[in-house]
Protein backbone atom coordinates (compact mmCIF):
# COMPACT_ATOMS: atom_id res chain seq x y z
CA MET A 1 66.61 110.00 -75.96
CA SER A 2 67.10 106.17 -76.06
CA LYS A 3 64.37 103.84 -77.08
CA THR A 4 64.18 102.38 -73.59
CA GLU A 5 63.66 105.84 -72.01
CA THR A 6 61.06 106.64 -74.68
CA ASN A 7 59.07 103.40 -73.93
CA LYS A 8 59.29 104.10 -70.24
CA GLU A 9 57.98 107.63 -70.77
CA ASN A 10 55.10 106.35 -72.89
CA ARG A 11 54.05 103.88 -70.16
CA ILE A 12 54.05 106.64 -67.55
CA VAL A 13 51.91 108.90 -69.77
CA ALA A 14 49.48 106.17 -70.52
CA ALA A 15 49.24 105.29 -66.74
CA VAL A 16 48.34 108.93 -66.08
CA GLU A 17 45.82 109.24 -68.82
CA ARG A 18 44.10 106.04 -68.22
CA PRO A 19 40.83 106.72 -66.43
CA SER A 20 40.63 105.28 -62.90
CA ARG A 21 37.84 102.64 -62.45
CA GLN A 22 35.03 104.29 -60.53
CA ARG A 23 32.70 102.40 -58.26
CA ILE A 24 29.05 102.48 -59.26
CA VAL A 25 27.37 103.58 -56.07
CA GLU A 26 23.92 102.46 -56.78
CA LEU A 27 25.08 98.86 -57.45
CA ASP A 28 27.31 98.73 -54.38
CA ALA A 29 24.42 100.11 -52.27
CA ALA A 30 21.97 97.64 -53.64
CA ARG A 31 24.31 94.69 -53.27
CA GLY A 32 25.08 95.90 -49.77
CA PHE A 33 21.40 96.19 -48.84
CA ALA A 34 20.71 92.70 -50.06
CA VAL A 35 23.65 91.26 -48.11
CA ILE A 36 22.58 93.06 -44.89
CA MET A 37 19.17 91.58 -45.20
CA MET A 38 20.57 88.19 -45.64
CA ILE A 39 22.76 88.61 -42.64
CA LEU A 40 19.70 89.75 -40.57
CA HIS A 41 17.81 86.66 -41.77
CA HIS A 42 20.70 84.45 -40.64
CA PHE A 43 20.72 86.17 -37.27
CA ILE A 44 17.05 85.49 -36.48
CA PHE A 45 17.51 81.90 -37.92
CA ASP A 46 20.34 81.28 -35.51
CA LEU A 47 18.29 82.61 -32.53
CA ARG A 48 15.33 80.26 -33.29
CA TYR A 49 16.85 77.17 -34.78
CA VAL A 50 20.40 77.07 -33.43
CA PHE A 51 19.75 78.37 -29.93
CA ASP A 52 16.20 77.20 -29.68
CA LEU A 53 14.82 80.47 -28.53
CA PRO A 54 10.93 80.89 -29.00
CA VAL A 55 11.27 84.01 -31.26
CA PHE A 56 10.67 84.96 -34.83
CA ALA A 57 8.27 82.05 -35.57
CA PHE A 58 7.23 83.83 -38.83
CA GLN A 59 10.32 82.33 -40.51
CA ASP A 60 8.20 79.06 -41.07
CA SER A 61 5.60 81.05 -42.98
CA GLU A 62 5.31 81.01 -46.83
CA TRP A 63 4.98 84.79 -46.99
CA PHE A 64 8.38 85.15 -45.35
CA ILE A 65 10.09 82.55 -47.59
CA TYR A 66 8.51 83.76 -50.91
CA VAL A 67 7.75 87.45 -50.18
CA LEU A 68 10.54 88.63 -48.01
CA ARG A 69 13.54 86.26 -48.47
CA ALA A 70 13.28 85.61 -52.21
CA PRO A 71 13.48 89.29 -53.43
CA PHE A 72 16.75 89.96 -51.60
CA LEU A 73 18.38 86.82 -53.05
CA ALA A 74 17.21 87.82 -56.46
CA LEU A 75 18.45 91.39 -55.97
CA PHE A 76 21.90 90.07 -54.92
CA LEU A 77 22.16 87.78 -57.86
CA MET A 78 20.84 90.45 -60.39
CA VAL A 79 23.26 93.07 -59.14
CA SER A 80 26.05 90.48 -59.42
CA GLY A 81 25.07 89.78 -63.01
CA ILE A 82 25.04 93.48 -63.82
CA SER A 83 28.44 93.87 -62.30
CA SER A 84 29.93 91.09 -64.32
CA ASN A 85 29.82 93.42 -67.34
CA PHE A 86 32.55 95.43 -65.78
CA SER A 87 34.83 92.69 -64.42
CA ARG A 88 38.32 92.35 -66.02
CA SER A 89 38.39 88.58 -65.34
CA ASN A 90 35.14 86.84 -64.67
CA LEU A 91 36.68 83.36 -65.05
CA ARG A 92 39.19 84.09 -62.29
CA ARG A 93 36.44 85.65 -60.09
CA GLY A 94 34.17 82.76 -60.63
CA ILE A 95 36.92 80.12 -59.82
CA LYS A 96 37.82 82.11 -56.68
CA LEU A 97 34.31 82.33 -55.53
CA LEU A 98 33.66 78.69 -56.24
CA PHE A 99 36.72 77.86 -54.03
CA PHE A 100 35.12 79.99 -51.21
CA ALA A 101 31.81 78.21 -51.72
CA LEU A 102 33.37 74.72 -51.54
CA SER A 103 35.39 75.80 -48.55
CA LEU A 104 32.26 76.87 -46.85
CA THR A 105 30.63 73.46 -47.54
CA VAL A 106 33.76 71.58 -46.15
CA ILE A 107 33.88 73.79 -43.02
CA THR A 108 30.21 73.43 -42.18
CA LEU A 109 30.51 69.60 -42.73
CA LEU A 110 33.47 69.49 -40.28
CA MET A 111 31.47 71.61 -37.84
CA ARG A 112 28.19 69.76 -38.18
CA ASN A 113 28.00 69.20 -34.45
CA PHE A 114 27.62 73.02 -34.02
CA MET A 115 25.83 74.00 -37.21
CA THR A 116 23.83 72.54 -40.06
CA PRO A 117 25.95 71.76 -43.14
CA ILE A 118 25.64 74.09 -46.17
CA TYR A 119 25.80 72.06 -49.36
CA PHE A 120 24.65 74.46 -51.97
CA ASN A 121 23.70 78.09 -51.39
CA VAL A 122 23.83 81.49 -53.08
CA LEU A 123 27.62 81.52 -53.24
CA HIS A 124 27.56 78.23 -55.28
CA VAL A 125 24.87 79.55 -57.50
CA LEU A 126 26.77 82.83 -58.08
CA ALA A 127 30.13 81.09 -58.68
CA LEU A 128 28.75 78.69 -61.35
CA SER A 129 26.70 81.44 -62.94
CA ILE A 130 29.81 83.58 -63.39
CA ILE A 131 31.79 80.66 -64.89
CA ILE A 132 29.01 80.00 -67.33
CA TYR A 133 28.75 83.70 -68.14
CA THR A 134 32.36 83.68 -69.25
CA LEU A 135 31.37 81.54 -72.23
CA THR A 136 29.14 84.39 -73.47
CA GLU A 137 32.05 86.74 -73.44
CA ARG A 138 33.54 84.92 -76.41
CA VAL A 139 30.54 86.19 -78.51
CA SER A 140 31.80 89.47 -79.97
CA ASP A 141 28.44 90.71 -81.38
CA PRO A 142 26.62 92.46 -78.54
CA ARG A 143 23.13 91.49 -79.82
CA ARG A 144 24.07 87.82 -80.12
CA ARG A 145 25.64 87.97 -76.70
CA SER A 146 22.44 89.52 -75.27
CA ALA A 147 20.37 86.83 -76.97
CA CYS A 148 22.66 84.12 -75.35
CA LEU A 149 22.10 85.65 -71.99
CA ILE A 150 18.31 86.00 -72.41
CA MET A 151 18.24 82.34 -73.48
CA SER A 152 20.27 81.27 -70.55
CA ALA A 153 17.95 83.12 -68.17
CA SER A 154 14.83 81.74 -69.87
CA LEU A 155 16.17 78.16 -69.63
CA ALA A 156 16.99 78.60 -66.05
CA PHE A 157 13.47 79.79 -65.17
CA LEU A 158 11.95 77.06 -67.35
CA ILE A 159 14.13 74.23 -65.92
CA GLY A 160 13.46 75.42 -62.41
CA THR A 161 9.76 75.26 -63.17
CA VAL A 162 10.05 71.72 -64.61
CA PHE A 163 11.99 70.53 -61.53
CA LEU A 164 9.25 71.98 -59.28
CA GLN A 165 6.83 69.78 -60.98
CA LEU A 166 9.06 66.73 -61.04
CA SER A 167 10.73 67.20 -57.67
CA ALA A 168 9.63 63.75 -56.44
CA ALA A 169 11.45 62.06 -59.39
CA VAL A 170 14.72 64.11 -58.99
CA PRO A 171 17.53 61.76 -57.77
CA SER A 172 19.21 62.82 -54.56
CA TRP A 173 22.65 63.13 -56.33
CA LEU A 174 21.09 66.03 -58.29
CA LEU A 175 20.85 68.07 -55.11
CA PRO A 176 21.96 71.42 -56.62
CA LEU A 177 19.07 71.26 -59.12
CA ASN A 178 16.27 70.03 -56.91
CA PRO A 179 14.13 72.86 -55.63
CA HIS A 180 12.77 70.50 -52.76
CA ALA A 181 16.12 69.07 -51.77
CA ALA A 182 15.98 70.91 -48.37
CA ALA A 183 13.03 68.83 -47.43
CA GLU A 184 14.89 65.54 -48.07
CA VAL A 185 18.39 66.41 -46.78
CA GLU A 186 19.32 68.17 -43.56
CA MET A 187 21.17 71.32 -44.68
CA ALA A 188 21.03 75.07 -44.17
CA ASP A 189 20.74 78.09 -46.50
CA TYR A 190 19.92 75.92 -49.55
CA LEU A 191 19.36 77.58 -52.95
CA PRO A 192 18.96 75.47 -56.15
CA PHE A 193 20.79 76.42 -59.24
CA PHE A 194 17.57 76.54 -61.21
CA PRO A 195 15.67 78.87 -61.30
CA TRP A 196 18.04 81.18 -59.29
CA SER A 197 20.87 81.46 -61.80
CA GLY A 198 18.26 83.01 -64.14
CA PHE A 199 18.29 86.21 -61.95
CA PHE A 200 22.06 86.37 -62.56
CA PHE A 201 21.78 86.15 -66.38
CA LEU A 202 18.82 88.56 -66.36
CA GLY A 203 21.05 90.99 -64.49
CA ALA A 204 23.84 90.53 -67.05
CA VAL A 205 21.44 91.51 -69.77
CA LEU A 206 20.22 94.59 -67.94
CA GLY A 207 23.83 95.59 -67.20
CA SER A 208 24.69 95.64 -70.89
CA LEU A 209 21.63 97.87 -71.58
CA LEU A 210 21.74 100.21 -68.54
CA TYR A 211 25.52 100.50 -68.35
CA PRO A 212 27.07 100.60 -71.73
CA LYS A 213 29.93 102.36 -69.95
CA PRO A 214 30.94 101.53 -66.42
CA LEU A 215 29.65 104.88 -64.95
CA THR A 216 27.11 105.60 -62.35
CA LEU A 217 23.58 106.55 -63.47
CA PHE A 218 23.46 109.08 -60.55
CA PRO A 219 26.60 111.21 -60.81
CA LYS A 220 25.19 114.01 -58.62
CA LEU A 221 23.55 112.40 -55.57
CA PRO A 222 22.32 114.73 -52.86
CA ARG A 223 24.84 114.82 -49.97
CA ALA A 224 22.27 113.47 -47.50
CA LEU A 225 21.53 110.49 -49.68
CA ALA A 226 25.07 109.79 -50.40
CA LEU A 227 25.83 109.67 -46.71
CA LEU A 228 22.83 107.43 -46.14
CA LEU A 229 24.00 104.96 -48.80
CA LYS A 230 27.61 105.03 -47.57
CA PRO A 231 27.36 102.10 -45.09
CA PHE A 232 25.39 100.01 -47.64
CA SER A 233 28.00 100.86 -50.33
CA PHE A 234 30.84 99.71 -48.02
CA VAL A 235 29.19 96.34 -47.39
CA GLY A 236 28.51 96.03 -51.08
CA ARG A 237 32.12 96.57 -52.06
CA HIS A 238 33.17 93.72 -49.73
CA ALA A 239 29.98 91.68 -50.16
CA ILE A 240 31.62 88.29 -50.44
CA TYR A 241 33.75 88.64 -47.38
CA PHE A 242 30.76 89.81 -45.30
CA TYR A 243 28.72 86.92 -46.55
CA ILE A 244 31.46 84.32 -45.83
CA PHE A 245 32.46 85.50 -42.42
CA HIS A 246 29.24 86.88 -40.96
CA GLN A 247 27.90 83.56 -39.76
CA PRO A 248 30.97 82.44 -37.71
CA PHE A 249 30.96 85.92 -36.27
CA LEU A 250 27.24 85.67 -35.37
CA LEU A 251 27.62 82.30 -33.88
CA ALA A 252 30.75 83.24 -31.92
CA CYS A 253 28.90 86.23 -30.39
CA LEU A 254 25.76 84.38 -29.65
CA TYR A 255 27.59 81.48 -28.01
CA GLY A 256 29.62 83.97 -26.01
CA LEU A 257 26.35 85.60 -24.82
CA ARG A 258 24.99 82.15 -23.86
CA ILE A 259 28.14 81.35 -21.86
CA LEU A 260 27.76 84.55 -20.00
CA GLY A 261 24.14 83.69 -19.28
CA LEU A 262 22.73 86.70 -21.34
CA LEU A 263 20.99 84.45 -23.94
């Protein structure tokens, strides 16, 4: 057998023996649940603030903002942090996501007559967090790497707290860092980088502890539960696309209903 044929055979054997990458159902489902809740929030936001319908007034209350909305955002970022432990190319993923986030900003600015611009939201936070996370991948020692991530999360929460206290002194050009920027600039879906990036880094730490191998913690789910989680898992597997395209879809449907006189 020639050397070329031997190499070809070895590559075929390696491809067959290489374990296929399995999805972690609990992470997909948790991510999907968080995205569905965010989509639901945007739906009721559109009804009240875009179409001026006298419904869902509770969105203005603090309990909705801090008790209902915040946990779903934190869950989404933490699951994304956990999943970063399994990605083959976080830098490429972060740059791709940043492109989507910046495109979202540009599109909403061009359509500001129909919708409020989005300058900095959860996609921007996630993209920058992933890019920063890639720096820790250069640390080979797992303990030091975890220490770097814990420090990053702690700094994010600490800086976010400081900016909350000094919000009046934060220049407008530091919009991504100012927790109260939404009160000063007309924009939608705002989320400051601090402290929210801390949830991503916290998730990255938990991921290294809970998932030393990229395998589900629940390999034998009851059939009924697996079926129940299936829709959430589907959304979770395609979370970015659902998040990017859901708002144009919602607005198109709602505007169509208004044209038909049904809204």
